[in-house]
Amino acid sequence: MITMQEAAKRKGCSKSAIHYAIGAGKIDAMKSSPRNLLVITNSKFDEWTPNPQRQQIGRKSQSPKKSKQ
Protein backbone atom coordinates (compact mmCIF):
# COMPACT_ATOMS: atom_id res chain seq x y z
CA MET A 1 0.00 0.00 0.00
CA ILE A 2 1.13 3.51 -0.81
CA THR A 3 -0.14 7.03 -0.23
CA MET A 4 -2.18 8.82 -2.87
CA GLN A 5 0.74 11.20 -3.38
CA GLU A 6 3.13 8.30 -4.05
CA ALA A 7 0.59 6.67 -6.38
CA ALA A 8 0.28 9.91 -8.35
CA LYS A 9 4.05 10.19 -8.56
CA ARG A 10 4.41 6.61 -9.83
CA LYS A 11 1.70 7.08 -12.45
CA GLY A 12 2.79 10.59 -13.45
CA CYS A 13 -0.57 12.15 -12.73
CA SER A 14 -2.35 14.29 -10.15
CA LYS A 15 -3.73 13.18 -6.81
CA SER A 16 -7.13 14.15 -8.18
CA ALA A 17 -6.73 11.57 -10.95
CA ILE A 18 -5.93 8.91 -8.35
CA HIS A 19 -8.96 9.94 -6.29
CA TYR A 20 -11.17 9.80 -9.40
CA ALA A 21 -9.86 6.31 -10.28
CA ILE A 22 -10.59 5.10 -6.76
CA GLY A 23 -14.14 6.47 -6.92
CA ALA A 24 -14.67 4.86 -10.33
CA GLY A 25 -13.44 1.50 -9.02
CA LYS A 26 -10.48 1.46 -11.40
CA ILE A 27 -7.96 1.14 -8.56
CA ASP A 28 -8.41 -0.13 -5.01
CA ALA A 29 -7.82 1.76 -1.78
CA MET A 30 -8.54 1.56 1.90
CA LYS A 31 -8.94 4.19 4.59
CA SER A 32 -5.94 4.64 6.84
CA SER A 33 -7.75 7.30 8.87
CA PRO A 34 -11.04 9.18 8.52
CA ARG A 35 -9.42 11.60 6.04
CA ASN A 36 -6.69 9.53 4.33
CA LEU A 37 -6.68 6.75 1.79
CA LEU A 38 -3.94 4.26 0.98
CA VAL A 39 -3.78 2.91 -2.56
CA ILE A 40 -3.48 -0.85 -2.83
CA THR A 41 -0.72 -1.71 -5.31
CA ASN A 42 -2.24 -4.75 -6.97
CA SER A 43 -2.79 -5.72 -10.61
CA LYS A 44 -5.60 -3.14 -10.96
CA PHE A 45 -3.17 -0.39 -10.02
CA ASP A 46 -0.45 -1.77 -12.29
CA GLU A 47 -2.82 -1.95 -15.28
CA TRP A 48 -4.50 1.44 -14.76
CA THR A 49 -3.19 4.40 -16.72
CA PRO A 50 -4.39 7.97 -16.28
CA ASN A 51 -6.31 9.55 -19.12
CA PRO A 52 -3.78 11.81 -20.90
CA GLN A 53 -6.51 14.21 -22.10
CA ARG A 54 -7.82 14.76 -18.56
CA GLN A 55 -4.27 15.29 -17.30
CA GLN A 56 -3.59 17.88 -20.01
CA ILE A 57 -6.81 19.73 -19.20
CA GLY A 58 -5.87 19.75 -15.52
CA ARG A 59 -2.42 21.14 -16.27
CA LYS A 60 -3.91 23.95 -18.35
CA SER A 61 -6.32 24.95 -15.59
CA GLN A 62 -3.52 24.96 -13.01
CA SER A 63 -1.13 27.12 -15.02
CA PRO A 64 -0.42 30.51 -13.47
CA LYS A 65 -2.69 33.28 -14.66
CA LYS A 66 -1.10 36.32 -16.25
CA SER A 67 -1.92 39.47 -14.39
CA LYS A 68 -3.32 42.44 -16.26
CA GLN A 69 -1.25 45.59 -16.04
C-alpha atoms as a PDB file:
ATOM      1  CA  MET A   1       0.000   0.000   0.000  1.00  0.00           C
ATOM      2  CA  ILE A   2       1.132   3.509  -0.811  1.00  0.00           C
ATOM      3  CA  THR A   3      -0.142   7.025  -0.235  1.00  0.00           C
ATOM      4  CA  MET A   4      -2.182   8.824  -2.873  1.00  0.00           C
ATOM      5  CA  GLN A   5       0.742  11.198  -3.383  1.00  0.00           C
ATOM      6  CA  GLU A   6       3.129   8.300  -4.049  1.00  0.00           C
ATOM      7  CA  ALA A   7       0.586   6.670  -6.384  1.00  0.00           C
ATOM      8  CA  ALA A   8       0.276   9.910  -8.354  1.00  0.00           C
ATOM      9  CA  LYS A   9       4.055  10.187  -8.563  1.00  0.00           C
ATOM     10  CA  ARG A  10       4.407   6.608  -9.828  1.00  0.00           C
ATOM     11  CA  LYS A  11       1.700   7.080 -12.454  1.00  0.00           C
ATOM     12  CA  GLY A  12       2.794  10.586 -13.454  1.00  0.00           C
ATOM     13  CA  CYS A  13      -0.570  12.155 -12.729  1.00  0.00           C
ATOM     14  CA  SER A  14      -2.347  14.292 -10.152  1.00  0.00           C
ATOM     15  CA  LYS A  15      -3.726  13.176  -6.806  1.00  0.00           C
ATOM     16  CA  SER A  16      -7.131  14.146  -8.181  1.00  0.00           C
ATOM     17  CA  ALA A  17      -6.725  11.572 -10.950  1.00  0.00           C
ATOM     18  CA  ILE A  18      -5.934   8.907  -8.350  1.00  0.00           C
ATOM     19  CA  HIS A  19      -8.959   9.941  -6.293  1.00  0.00           C
ATOM     20  CA  TYR A  20     -11.169   9.799  -9.401  1.00  0.00           C
ATOM     21  CA  ALA A  21      -9.864   6.313 -10.282  1.00  0.00           C
ATOM     22  CA  ILE A  22     -10.592   5.098  -6.757  1.00  0.00           C
ATOM     23  CA  GLY A  23     -14.138   6.472  -6.921  1.00  0.00           C
ATOM     24  CA  ALA A  24     -14.674   4.864 -10.328  1.00  0.00           C
ATOM     25  CA  GLY A  25     -13.438   1.501  -9.024  1.00  0.00           C
ATOM     26  CA  LYS A  26     -10.481   1.455 -11.402  1.00  0.00           C
ATOM     27  CA  ILE A  27      -7.965   1.136  -8.564  1.00  0.00           C
ATOM     28  CA  ASP A  28      -8.414  -0.127  -5.011  1.00  0.00           C
ATOM     29  CA  ALA A  29      -7.822   1.764  -1.785  1.00  0.00           C
ATOM     30  CA  MET A  30      -8.540   1.563   1.901  1.00  0.00           C
ATOM     31  CA  LYS A  31      -8.935   4.189   4.586  1.00  0.00           C
ATOM     32  CA  SER A  32      -5.935   4.643   6.840  1.00  0.00           C
ATOM     33  CA  SER A  33      -7.746   7.298   8.875  1.00  0.00           C
ATOM     34  CA  PRO A  34     -11.035   9.177   8.521  1.00  0.00           C
ATOM     35  CA  ARG A  35      -9.421  11.596   6.038  1.00  0.00           C
ATOM     36  CA  ASN A  36      -6.686   9.532   4.334  1.00  0.00           C
ATOM     37  CA  LEU A  37      -6.682   6.748   1.786  1.00  0.00           C
ATOM     38  CA  LEU A  38      -3.944   4.262   0.977  1.00  0.00           C
ATOM     39  CA  VAL A  39      -3.776   2.906  -2.561  1.00  0.00           C
ATOM     40  CA  ILE A  40      -3.480  -0.853  -2.829  1.00  0.00           C
ATOM     41  CA  THR A  41      -0.722  -1.712  -5.307  1.00  0.00           C
ATOM     42  CA  ASN A  42      -2.241  -4.745  -6.965  1.00  0.00           C
ATOM     43  CA  SER A  43      -2.790  -5.718 -10.606  1.00  0.00           C
ATOM     44  CA  LYS A  44      -5.596  -3.143 -10.960  1.00  0.00           C
ATOM     45  CA  PHE A  45      -3.169  -0.393 -10.016  1.00  0.00           C
ATOM     46  CA  ASP A  46      -0.448  -1.768 -12.286  1.00  0.00           C
ATOM     47  CA  GLU A  47      -2.818  -1.952 -15.278  1.00  0.00           C
ATOM     48  CA  TRP A  48      -4.501   1.442 -14.765  1.00  0.00           C
ATOM     49  CA  THR A  49      -3.194   4.404 -16.723  1.00  0.00           C
ATOM     50  CA  PRO A  50      -4.395   7.969 -16.277  1.00  0.00           C
ATOM     51  CA  ASN A  51      -6.311   9.553 -19.123  1.00  0.00           C
ATOM     52  CA  PRO A  52      -3.784  11.814 -20.895  1.00  0.00           C
ATOM     53  CA  GLN A  53      -6.507  14.207 -22.097  1.00  0.00           C
ATOM     54  CA  ARG A  54      -7.825  14.759 -18.561  1.00  0.00           C
ATOM     55  CA  GLN A  55      -4.273  15.290 -17.302  1.00  0.00           C
ATOM     56  CA  GLN A  56      -3.587  17.879 -20.012  1.00  0.00           C
ATOM     57  CA  ILE A  57      -6.812  19.733 -19.205  1.00  0.00           C
ATOM     58  CA  GLY A  58      -5.872  19.750 -15.521  1.00  0.00           C
ATOM     59  CA  ARG A  59      -2.423  21.136 -16.265  1.00  0.00           C
ATOM     60  CA  LYS A  60      -3.914  23.945 -18.346  1.00  0.00           C
ATOM     61  CA  SER A  61      -6.324  24.952 -15.594  1.00  0.00           C
ATOM     62  CA  GLN A  62      -3.518  24.956 -13.015  1.00  0.00           C
ATOM     63  CA  SER A  63      -1.130  27.124 -15.023  1.00  0.00           C
ATOM     64  CA  PRO A  64      -0.423  30.512 -13.474  1.00  0.00           C
ATOM     65  CA  LYS A  65      -2.691  33.281 -14.655  1.00  0.00           C
ATOM     66  CA  LYS A  66      -1.096  36.319 -16.249  1.00  0.00           C
ATOM     67  CA  SER A  67      -1.919  39.473 -14.385  1.00  0.00           C
ATOM     68  CA  LYS A  68      -3.316  42.444 -16.263  1.00  0.00           C
ATOM     69  CA  GLN A  69      -1.246  45.594 -16.036  1.00  0.00           C
END
